Amino acid sequence: QAPLDYIIQHYVANLLGQSEFALRFHAALFGTLTI
């Protein structure tokens, strides 16, 4: 599939770590911005 979501998650996880918060942060941020 289109890898944009996974690329963003990869870099956010490298920046923030492997915690649950870090792995879900980008999805929650973009979901809120979508609204």
Full PDB file with SEQRES, HELIX, SHEET, SSBOND, CRYST1, ORIGX, SCALE, CONECT and MASTER records, all heavy atoms in Angstrom:
SEQRES   1 A   35  GLN ALA PRO LEU ASP TYR ILE ILE GLN HIS TYR VAL ALA          
SEQRES   2 A   35  ASN LEU LEU GLY GLN SER GLU PHE ALA LEU ARG PHE HIS          
SEQRES   3 A   35  ALA ALA LEU PHE GLY THR LEU THR ILE                          
HELIX    1 AA1 LEU A    4  LEU A   16  1                                  13    
HELIX    2 AA2 GLU A   20  THR A   34  1                                  15    
CRYST1    1.000    1.000    1.000  90.00  90.00  90.00 P 1           1          
ORIGX1      1.000000  0.000000  0.000000        0.00000                         
ORIGX2      0.000000  1.000000  0.000000        0.00000                         
ORIGX3      0.000000  0.000000  1.000000        0.00000                         
SCALE1      1.000000  0.000000  0.000000        0.00000                         
SCALE2      0.000000  1.000000  0.000000        0.00000                         
SCALE3      0.000000  0.000000  1.000000        0.00000                         
ATOM      1  N   GLN A   1       0.843  -1.186   0.000  1.00  0.00           N  
ATOM      2  CA  GLN A   1       0.000   0.000   0.000  1.00  0.00           C  
ATOM      3  C   GLN A   1       0.879   1.237   0.000  1.00  0.00           C  
ATOM      4  O   GLN A   1       2.097   1.147   0.077  1.00  0.00           O  
ATOM      5  CB  GLN A   1      -0.902   0.017   1.232  1.00  0.00           C  
ATOM      6  CG  GLN A   1      -1.871  -1.131   1.277  1.00  0.00           C  
ATOM      7  CD  GLN A   1      -2.675  -1.108   2.551  1.00  0.00           C  
ATOM      8  OE1 GLN A   1      -2.473  -0.287   3.422  1.00  0.00           O  
ATOM      9  NE2 GLN A   1      -3.604  -2.026   2.667  1.00  0.00           N  
ATOM     10  N   ALA A   2       0.241   2.390  -0.050  1.00  0.00           N  
ATOM     11  CA  ALA A   2       0.975   3.652   0.018  1.00  0.00           C  
ATOM     12  C   ALA A   2       1.653   3.766   1.381  1.00  0.00           C  
ATOM     13  O   ALA A   2       1.003   3.634   2.414  1.00  0.00           O  
ATOM     14  CB  ALA A   2       0.034   4.816  -0.208  1.00  0.00           C  
ATOM     15  N   PRO A   3       2.938   4.005   1.416  1.00  0.00           N  
ATOM     16  CA  PRO A   3       3.684   3.926   2.678  1.00  0.00           C  
ATOM     17  C   PRO A   3       3.731   5.208   3.497  1.00  0.00           C  
ATOM     18  O   PRO A   3       4.435   5.258   4.484  1.00  0.00           O  
ATOM     19  CB  PRO A   3       5.092   3.550   2.201  1.00  0.00           C  
ATOM     20  CG  PRO A   3       5.200   4.179   0.862  1.00  0.00           C  
ATOM     21  CD  PRO A   3       3.819   4.078   0.262  1.00  0.00           C  
ATOM     22  N   LEU A   4       3.003   6.260   3.131  1.00  0.00           N  
ATOM     23  CA  LEU A   4       3.136   7.537   3.831  1.00  0.00           C  
ATOM     24  C   LEU A   4       2.843   7.406   5.324  1.00  0.00           C  
ATOM     25  O   LEU A   4       3.593   7.930   6.165  1.00  0.00           O  
ATOM     26  CB  LEU A   4       2.234   8.593   3.205  1.00  0.00           C  
ATOM     27  CG  LEU A   4       2.318   9.986   3.818  1.00  0.00           C  
ATOM     28  CD1 LEU A   4       3.732  10.525   3.683  1.00  0.00           C  
ATOM     29  CD2 LEU A   4       1.333  10.914   3.169  1.00  0.00           C  
ATOM     30  N   ASP A   5       1.790   6.702   5.698  1.00  0.00           N  
ATOM     31  CA  ASP A   5       1.455   6.532   7.110  1.00  0.00           C  
ATOM     32  C   ASP A   5       2.576   5.828   7.866  1.00  0.00           C  
ATOM     33  O   ASP A   5       2.930   6.204   8.975  1.00  0.00           O  
ATOM     34  CB  ASP A   5       0.149   5.754   7.245  1.00  0.00           C  
ATOM     35  CG  ASP A   5      -0.275   5.590   8.689  1.00  0.00           C  
ATOM     36  OD1 ASP A   5      -0.300   6.600   9.420  1.00  0.00           O  
ATOM     37  OD2 ASP A   5      -0.576   4.456   9.096  1.00  0.00           O  
ATOM     38  N   TYR A   6       3.153   4.815   7.251  1.00  0.00           N  
ATOM     39  CA  TYR A   6       4.206   4.054   7.907  1.00  0.00           C  
ATOM     40  C   TYR A   6       5.512   4.838   7.987  1.00  0.00           C  
ATOM     41  O   TYR A   6       6.269   4.686   8.939  1.00  0.00           O  
ATOM     42  CB  TYR A   6       4.403   2.719   7.199  1.00  0.00           C  
ATOM     43  CG  TYR A   6       3.145   1.907   7.224  1.00  0.00           C  
ATOM     44  CD1 TYR A   6       2.331   1.819   6.106  1.00  0.00           C  
ATOM     45  CD2 TYR A   6       2.738   1.274   8.386  1.00  0.00           C  
ATOM     46  CE1 TYR A   6       1.154   1.095   6.147  1.00  0.00           C  
ATOM     47  CE2 TYR A   6       1.563   0.558   8.438  1.00  0.00           C  
ATOM     48  CZ  TYR A   6       0.781   0.469   7.313  1.00  0.00           C  
ATOM     49  OH  TYR A   6      -0.377  -0.231   7.351  1.00  0.00           O  
ATOM     50  N   ILE A   7       5.773   5.660   6.978  1.00  0.00           N  
ATOM     51  CA  ILE A   7       6.963   6.505   7.021  1.00  0.00           C  
ATOM     52  C   ILE A   7       6.841   7.514   8.157  1.00  0.00           C  
ATOM     53  O   ILE A   7       7.780   7.718   8.932  1.00  0.00           O  
ATOM     54  CB  ILE A   7       7.177   7.214   5.669  1.00  0.00           C  
ATOM     55  CG1 ILE A   7       7.551   6.189   4.606  1.00  0.00           C  
ATOM     56  CG2 ILE A   7       8.252   8.291   5.785  1.00  0.00           C  
ATOM     57  CD1 ILE A   7       7.573   6.747   3.208  1.00  0.00           C  
ATOM     58  N   ILE A   8       5.684   8.146   8.266  1.00  0.00           N  
ATOM     59  CA  ILE A   8       5.470   9.113   9.345  1.00  0.00           C  
ATOM     60  C   ILE A   8       5.580   8.427  10.697  1.00  0.00           C  
ATOM     61  O   ILE A   8       6.235   8.936  11.610  1.00  0.00           O  
ATOM     62  CB  ILE A   8       4.106   9.814   9.182  1.00  0.00           C  
ATOM     63  CG1 ILE A   8       4.119  10.685   7.930  1.00  0.00           C  
ATOM     64  CG2 ILE A   8       3.769  10.643  10.410  1.00  0.00           C  
ATOM     65  CD1 ILE A   8       2.769  11.241   7.558  1.00  0.00           C  
ATOM     66  N   GLN A   9       4.962   7.253  10.838  1.00  0.00           N  
ATOM     67  CA  GLN A   9       5.041   6.528  12.106  1.00  0.00           C  
ATOM     68  C   GLN A   9       6.485   6.140  12.422  1.00  0.00           C  
ATOM     69  O   GLN A   9       6.907   6.213  13.571  1.00  0.00           O  
ATOM     70  CB  GLN A   9       4.172   5.284  12.077  1.00  0.00           C  
ATOM     71  CG  GLN A   9       4.216   4.527  13.397  1.00  0.00           C  
ATOM     72  CD  GLN A   9       3.338   3.306  13.400  1.00  0.00           C  
ATOM     73  OE1 GLN A   9       2.667   3.004  12.427  1.00  0.00           O  
ATOM     74  NE2 GLN A   9       3.327   2.594  14.495  1.00  0.00           N  
ATOM     75  N   HIS A  10       7.227   5.757  11.438  1.00  0.00           N  
ATOM     76  CA  HIS A  10       8.626   5.378  11.640  1.00  0.00           C  
ATOM     77  C   HIS A  10       9.420   6.542  12.218  1.00  0.00           C  
ATOM     78  O   HIS A  10      10.141   6.385  13.209  1.00  0.00           O  
ATOM     79  CB  HIS A  10       9.222   4.910  10.317  1.00  0.00           C  
ATOM     80  CG  HIS A  10      10.687   4.663  10.358  1.00  0.00           C  
ATOM     81  ND1 HIS A  10      11.221   3.536  10.941  1.00  0.00           N  
ATOM     82  CD2 HIS A  10      11.725   5.392   9.910  1.00  0.00           C  
ATOM     83  CE1 HIS A  10      12.537   3.581  10.837  1.00  0.00           C  
ATOM     84  NE2 HIS A  10      12.870   4.709  10.215  1.00  0.00           N  
ATOM     85  N   TYR A  11       9.289   7.718  11.626  1.00  0.00           N  
ATOM     86  CA  TYR A  11      10.060   8.867  12.098  1.00  0.00           C  
ATOM     87  C   TYR A  11       9.565   9.397  13.434  1.00  0.00           C  
ATOM     88  O   TYR A  11      10.366   9.825  14.276  1.00  0.00           O  
ATOM     89  CB  TYR A  11      10.091   9.967  11.042  1.00  0.00           C  
ATOM     90  CG  TYR A  11      10.990   9.587   9.886  1.00  0.00           C  
ATOM     91  CD1 TYR A  11      10.467   9.335   8.631  1.00  0.00           C  
ATOM     92  CD2 TYR A  11      12.351   9.434  10.067  1.00  0.00           C  
ATOM     93  CE1 TYR A  11      11.280   8.958   7.582  1.00  0.00           C  
ATOM     94  CE2 TYR A  11      13.184   9.054   9.028  1.00  0.00           C  
ATOM     95  CZ  TYR A  11      12.639   8.825   7.793  1.00  0.00           C  
ATOM     96  OH  TYR A  11      13.456   8.440   6.762  1.00  0.00           O  
ATOM     97  N   VAL A  12       8.259   9.358  13.670  1.00  0.00           N  
ATOM     98  CA  VAL A  12       7.736   9.781  14.979  1.00  0.00           C  
ATOM     99  C   VAL A  12       8.204   8.813  16.064  1.00  0.00           C  
ATOM    100  O   VAL A  12       8.601   9.235  17.153  1.00  0.00           O  
ATOM    101  CB  VAL A  12       6.188   9.879  14.954  1.00  0.00           C  
ATOM    102  CG1 VAL A  12       5.625  10.053  16.347  1.00  0.00           C  
ATOM    103  CG2 VAL A  12       5.757  11.034  14.076  1.00  0.00           C  
ATOM    104  N   ALA A  13       8.202   7.521  15.768  1.00  0.00           N  
ATOM    105  CA  ALA A  13       8.670   6.533  16.747  1.00  0.00           C  
ATOM    106  C   ALA A  13      10.167   6.682  17.010  1.00  0.00           C  
ATOM    107  O   ALA A  13      10.616   6.506  18.145  1.00  0.00           O  
ATOM    108  CB  ALA A  13       8.360   5.119  16.272  1.00  0.00           C  
ATOM    109  N   ASN A  14      10.933   7.005  15.990  1.00  0.00           N  
ATOM    110  CA  ASN A  14      12.364   7.239  16.202  1.00  0.00           C  
ATOM    111  C   ASN A  14      12.587   8.486  17.043  1.00  0.00           C  
ATOM    112  O   ASN A  14      13.531   8.544  17.823  1.00  0.00           O  
ATOM    113  CB  ASN A  14      13.103   7.379  14.878  1.00  0.00           C  
ATOM    114  CG  ASN A  14      13.311   6.044  14.195  1.00  0.00           C  
ATOM    115  OD1 ASN A  14      13.244   5.002  14.839  1.00  0.00           O  
ATOM    116  ND2 ASN A  14      13.540   6.071  12.906  1.00  0.00           N  
ATOM    117  N   LEU A  15      11.729   9.468  16.879  1.00  0.00           N  
ATOM    118  CA  LEU A  15      11.866  10.712  17.630  1.00  0.00           C  
ATOM    119  C   LEU A  15      11.357  10.579  19.062  1.00  0.00           C  
ATOM    120  O   LEU A  15      12.021  11.021  20.000  1.00  0.00           O  
ATOM    121  CB  LEU A  15      11.105  11.831  16.910  1.00  0.00           C  
ATOM    122  CG  LEU A  15      11.157  13.219  17.523  1.00  0.00           C  
ATOM    123  CD1 LEU A  15      12.573  13.768  17.422  1.00  0.00           C  
ATOM    124  CD2 LEU A  15      10.190  14.135  16.804  1.00  0.00           C  
ATOM    125  N   LEU A  16      10.193   9.940  19.251  1.00  0.00           N  
ATOM    126  CA  LEU A  16       9.554   9.873  20.568  1.00  0.00           C  
ATOM    127  C   LEU A  16       9.760   8.553  21.301  1.00  0.00           C  
ATOM    128  O   LEU A  16       9.448   8.455  22.481  1.00  0.00           O  
ATOM    129  CB  LEU A  16       8.054  10.148  20.440  1.00  0.00           C  
ATOM    130  CG  LEU A  16       7.660  11.514  19.880  1.00  0.00           C  
ATOM    131  CD1 LEU A  16       6.151  11.600  19.739  1.00  0.00           C  
ATOM    132  CD2 LEU A  16       8.190  12.630  20.746  1.00  0.00           C  
ATOM    133  N   GLY A  17      10.197   7.518  20.614  1.00  0.00           N  
ATOM    134  CA  GLY A  17      10.397   6.220  21.256  1.00  0.00           C  
ATOM    135  C   GLY A  17       9.327   5.220  20.854  1.00  0.00           C  
ATOM    136  O   GLY A  17       8.482   5.480  20.010  1.00  0.00           O  
ATOM    137  N   GLN A  18       9.360   4.055  21.482  1.00  0.00           N  
ATOM    138  CA  GLN A  18       8.458   2.956  21.145  1.00  0.00           C  
ATOM    139  C   GLN A  18       7.286   2.828  22.111  1.00  0.00           C  
ATOM    140  O   GLN A  18       6.667   1.773  22.187  1.00  0.00           O  
ATOM    141  CB  GLN A  18       9.243   1.642  21.126  1.00  0.00           C  
ATOM    142  CG  GLN A  18      10.290   1.564  20.043  1.00  0.00           C  
ATOM    143  CD  GLN A  18       9.669   1.356  18.676  1.00  0.00           C  
ATOM    144  OE1 GLN A  18       8.658   0.690  18.544  1.00  0.00           O  
ATOM    145  NE2 GLN A  18      10.277   1.927  17.664  1.00  0.00           N  
ATOM    146  N   SER A  19       6.974   3.872  22.858  1.00  0.00           N  
ATOM    147  CA  SER A  19       5.849   3.793  23.795  1.00  0.00           C  
ATOM    148  C   SER A  19       4.531   3.792  23.033  1.00  0.00           C  
ATOM    149  O   SER A  19       4.467   4.125  21.845  1.00  0.00           O  
ATOM    150  CB  SER A  19       5.882   4.985  24.756  1.00  0.00           C  
ATOM    151  OG  SER A  19       5.599   6.180  24.067  1.00  0.00           O  
ATOM    152  N   GLU A  20       3.470   3.401  23.718  1.00  0.00           N  
ATOM    153  CA  GLU A  20       2.155   3.392  23.090  1.00  0.00           C  
ATOM    154  C   GLU A  20       1.758   4.800  22.659  1.00  0.00           C  
ATOM    155  O   GLU A  20       1.177   4.996  21.600  1.00  0.00           O  
ATOM    156  CB  GLU A  20       1.120   2.821  24.059  1.00  0.00           C  
ATOM    157  CG  GLU A  20      -0.247   2.678  23.432  1.00  0.00           C  
ATOM    158  CD  GLU A  20      -1.242   2.001  24.351  1.00  0.00           C  
ATOM    159  OE1 GLU A  20      -0.837   1.432  25.377  1.00  0.00           O  
ATOM    160  OE2 GLU A  20      -2.439   2.058  24.031  1.00  0.00           O  
ATOM    161  N   PHE A  21       2.080   5.790  23.482  1.00  0.00           N  
ATOM    162  CA  PHE A  21       1.789   7.180  23.130  1.00  0.00           C  
ATOM    163  C   PHE A  21       2.478   7.568  21.824  1.00  0.00           C  
ATOM    164  O   PHE A  21       1.868   8.160  20.936  1.00  0.00           O  
ATOM    165  CB  PHE A  21       2.240   8.119  24.259  1.00  0.00           C  
ATOM    166  CG  PHE A  21       2.198   9.573  23.882  1.00  0.00           C  
ATOM    167  CD1 PHE A  21       1.000  10.262  23.892  1.00  0.00           C  
ATOM    168  CD2 PHE A  21       3.351  10.230  23.492  1.00  0.00           C  
ATOM    169  CE1 PHE A  21       0.952  11.597  23.527  1.00  0.00           C  
ATOM    170  CE2 PHE A  21       3.320  11.567  23.134  1.00  0.00           C  
ATOM    171  CZ  PHE A  21       2.118  12.250  23.154  1.00  0.00           C  
ATOM    172  N   ALA A  22       3.744   7.232  21.689  1.00  0.00           N  
ATOM    173  CA  ALA A  22       4.504   7.607  20.496  1.00  0.00           C  
ATOM    174  C   ALA A  22       3.959   6.929  19.241  1.00  0.00           C  
ATOM    175  O   ALA A  22       3.906   7.541  18.174  1.00  0.00           O  
ATOM    176  CB  ALA A  22       5.972   7.265  20.684  1.00  0.00           C  
ATOM    177  N   LEU A  23       3.561   5.676  19.373  1.00  0.00           N  
ATOM    178  CA  LEU A  23       3.074   4.937  18.208  1.00  0.00           C  
ATOM    179  C   LEU A  23       1.688   5.393  17.763  1.00  0.00           C  
ATOM    180  O   LEU A  23       1.324   5.237  16.602  1.00  0.00           O  
ATOM    181  CB  LEU A  23       3.068   3.441  18.498  1.00  0.00           C  
ATOM    182  CG  LEU A  23       4.443   2.811  18.706  1.00  0.00           C  
ATOM    183  CD1 LEU A  23       4.298   1.346  19.073  1.00  0.00           C  
ATOM    184  CD2 LEU A  23       5.314   2.992  17.482  1.00  0.00           C  
ATOM    185  N   ARG A  24       0.913   5.957  18.670  1.00  0.00           N  
ATOM    186  CA  ARG A  24      -0.435   6.408  18.327  1.00  0.00           C  
ATOM    187  C   ARG A  24      -0.526   7.914  18.098  1.00  0.00           C  
ATOM    188  O   ARG A  24      -1.545   8.414  17.653  1.00  0.00           O  
ATOM    189  CB  ARG A  24      -1.419   6.018  19.428  1.00  0.00           C  
ATOM    190  CG  ARG A  24      -1.591   4.529  19.571  1.00  0.00           C  
ATOM    191  CD  ARG A  24      -2.546   4.214  20.704  1.00  0.00           C  
ATOM    192  NE  ARG A  24      -2.563   2.807  20.985  1.00  0.00           N  
ATOM    193  CZ  ARG A  24      -3.432   1.957  20.453  1.00  0.00           C  
ATOM    194  NH1 ARG A  24      -4.329   2.389  19.609  1.00  0.00           N  
ATOM    195  NH2 ARG A  24      -3.398   0.679  20.766  1.00  0.00           N  
ATOM    196  N   PHE A  25       0.533   8.647  18.401  1.00  0.00           N  
ATOM    197  CA  PHE A  25       0.491  10.103  18.370  1.00  0.00           C  
ATOM    198  C   PHE A  25       0.153  10.652  16.988  1.00  0.00           C  
ATOM    199  O   PHE A  25      -0.717  11.501  16.843  1.00  0.00           O  
ATOM    200  CB  PHE A  25       1.825  10.680  18.862  1.00  0.00           C  
ATOM    201  CG  PHE A  25       1.885  12.171  18.790  1.00  0.00           C  
ATOM    202  CD1 PHE A  25       1.178  12.935  19.693  1.00  0.00           C  
ATOM    203  CD2 PHE A  25       2.639  12.805  17.816  1.00  0.00           C  
ATOM    204  CE1 PHE A  25       1.217  14.314  19.633  1.00  0.00           C  
ATOM    205  CE2 PHE A  25       2.682  14.175  17.746  1.00  0.00           C  
ATOM    206  CZ  PHE A  25       1.967  14.935  18.659  1.00  0.00           C  
ATOM    207  N   HIS A  26       0.848  10.189  15.966  1.00  0.00           N  
ATOM    208  CA  HIS A  26       0.621  10.765  14.636  1.00  0.00           C  
ATOM    209  C   HIS A  26      -0.793  10.483  14.125  1.00  0.00           C  
ATOM    210  O   HIS A  26      -1.399  11.334  13.485  1.00  0.00           O  
ATOM    211  CB  HIS A  26       1.686  10.272  13.646  1.00  0.00           C  
ATOM    212  CG  HIS A  26       1.426   8.921  13.094  1.00  0.00           C  
ATOM    213  ND1 HIS A  26       1.615   7.769  13.819  1.00  0.00           N  
ATOM    214  CD2 HIS A  26       0.963   8.533  11.888  1.00  0.00           C  
ATOM    215  CE1 HIS A  26       1.294   6.738  13.080  1.00  0.00           C  
ATOM    216  NE2 HIS A  26       0.898   7.166  11.907  1.00  0.00           N  
ATOM    217  N   ALA A  27      -1.319   9.302  14.407  1.00  0.00           N  
ATOM    218  CA  ALA A  27      -2.678   8.985  13.951  1.00  0.00           C  
ATOM    219  C   ALA A  27      -3.709   9.869  14.651  1.00  0.00           C  
ATOM    220  O   ALA A  27      -4.635  10.374  14.014  1.00  0.00           O  
ATOM    221  CB  ALA A  27      -2.980   7.513  14.207  1.00  0.00           C  
ATOM    222  N   ALA A  28      -3.537  10.081  15.953  1.00  0.00           N  
ATOM    223  CA  ALA A  28      -4.464  10.946  16.682  1.00  0.00           C  
ATOM    224  C   ALA A  28      -4.341  12.401  16.234  1.00  0.00           C  
ATOM    225  O   ALA A  28      -5.347  13.106  16.091  1.00  0.00           O  
ATOM    226  CB  ALA A  28      -4.209  10.837  18.184  1.00  0.00           C  
ATOM    227  N   LEU A  29      -3.116  12.851  15.997  1.00  0.00           N  
ATOM    228  CA  LEU A  29      -2.908  14.225  15.552  1.00  0.00           C  
ATOM    229  C   LEU A  29      -3.548  14.467  14.186  1.00  0.00           C  
ATOM    230  O   LEU A  29      -4.299  15.432  13.995  1.00  0.00           O  
ATOM    231  CB  LEU A  29      -1.405  14.535  15.490  1.00  0.00           C  
ATOM    232  CG  LEU A  29      -1.047  15.923  14.987  1.00  0.00           C  
ATOM    233  CD1 LEU A  29      -1.501  16.989  15.978  1.00  0.00           C  
ATOM    234  CD2 LEU A  29       0.442  16.008  14.736  1.00  0.00           C  
ATOM    235  N   PHE A  30      -3.284  13.599  13.233  1.00  0.00           N  
ATOM    236  CA  PHE A  30      -3.858  13.776  11.906  1.00  0.00           C  
ATOM    237  C   PHE A  30      -5.372  13.565  11.903  1.00  0.00           C  
ATOM    238  O   PHE A  30      -6.082  14.198  11.119  1.00  0.00           O  
ATOM    239  CB  PHE A  30      -3.182  12.858  10.890  1.00  0.00           C  
ATOM    240  CG  PHE A  30      -1.791  13.289  10.541  1.00  0.00           C  
ATOM    241  CD1 PHE A  30      -0.736  12.413  10.633  1.00  0.00           C  
ATOM    242  CD2 PHE A  30      -1.537  14.577  10.138  1.00  0.00           C  
ATOM    243  CE1 PHE A  30       0.549  12.801  10.319  1.00  0.00           C  
ATOM    244  CE2 PHE A  30      -0.253  14.995   9.820  1.00  0.00           C  
ATOM    245  CZ  PHE A  30       0.791  14.097   9.911  1.00  0.00           C  
ATOM    246  N   GLY A  31      -5.874  12.698  12.756  1.00  0.00           N  
ATOM    247  CA  GLY A  31      -7.324  12.522  12.867  1.00  0.00           C  
ATOM    248  C   GLY A  31      -8.003  13.770  13.389  1.00  0.00           C  
ATOM    249  O   GLY A  31      -9.062  14.172  12.898  1.00  0.00           O  
ATOM    250  N   THR A  32      -7.397  14.415  14.370  1.00  0.00           N  
ATOM    251  CA  THR A  32      -7.938  15.662  14.905  1.00  0.00           C  
ATOM    252  C   THR A  32      -7.857  16.777  13.866  1.00  0.00           C  
ATOM    253  O   THR A  32      -8.811  17.543  13.686  1.00  0.00           O  
ATOM    254  CB  THR A  32      -7.168  16.069  16.175  1.00  0.00           C  
ATOM    255  OG1 THR A  32      -7.238  14.995  17.110  1.00  0.00           O  
ATOM    256  CG2 THR A  32      -7.752  17.313  16.795  1.00  0.00           C  
ATOM    257  N   LEU A  33      -6.740  16.860  13.176  1.00  0.00           N  
ATOM    258  CA  LEU A  33      -6.594  17.886  12.139  1.00  0.00           C  
ATOM    259  C   LEU A  33      -7.567  17.659  10.978  1.00  0.00           C  
ATOM    260  O   LEU A  33      -8.013  18.615  10.347  1.00  0.00           O  
ATOM    261  CB  LEU A  33      -5.156  17.915  11.633  1.00  0.00           C  
ATOM    262  CG  LEU A  33      -4.126  18.443  12.621  1.00  0.00           C  
ATOM    263  CD1 LEU A  33      -2.719  18.321  12.036  1.00  0.00           C  
ATOM    264  CD2 LEU A  33      -4.417  19.868  13.024  1.00  0.00           C  
ATOM    265  N   THR A  34      -7.908  16.409  10.708  1.00  0.00           N  
ATOM    266  CA  THR A  34      -8.866  16.106   9.650  1.00  0.00           C  
ATOM    267  C   THR A  34     -10.228  16.710   9.951  1.00  0.00           C  
ATOM    268  O   THR A  34     -10.895  17.239   9.056  1.00  0.00           O  
ATOM    269  CB  THR A  34      -8.993  14.585   9.456  1.00  0.00           C  
ATOM    270  OG1 THR A  34      -7.718  14.062   9.122  1.00  0.00           O  
ATOM    271  CG2 THR A  34      -9.997  14.235   8.386  1.00  0.00           C  
ATOM    272  N   ILE A  35     -10.642  16.648  11.195  1.00  0.00           N  
ATOM    273  CA  ILE A  35     -11.929  17.231  11.579  1.00  0.00           C  
ATOM    274  C   ILE A  35     -11.901  18.742  11.371  1.00  0.00           C  
ATOM    275  O   ILE A  35     -12.857  19.336  10.859  1.00  0.00           O  
ATOM    276  CB  ILE A  35     -12.281  16.863  13.030  1.00  0.00           C  
ATOM    277  CG1 ILE A  35     -12.475  15.362  13.149  1.00  0.00           C  
ATOM    278  CG2 ILE A  35     -13.538  17.594  13.490  1.00  0.00           C  
ATOM    279  CD1 ILE A  35     -12.562  14.864  14.562  1.00  0.00           C  
TER     280      ILE A  35                                                      
MASTER        0    0    0    2    0    0    0    6  279    1    0    3          
END                                                                             
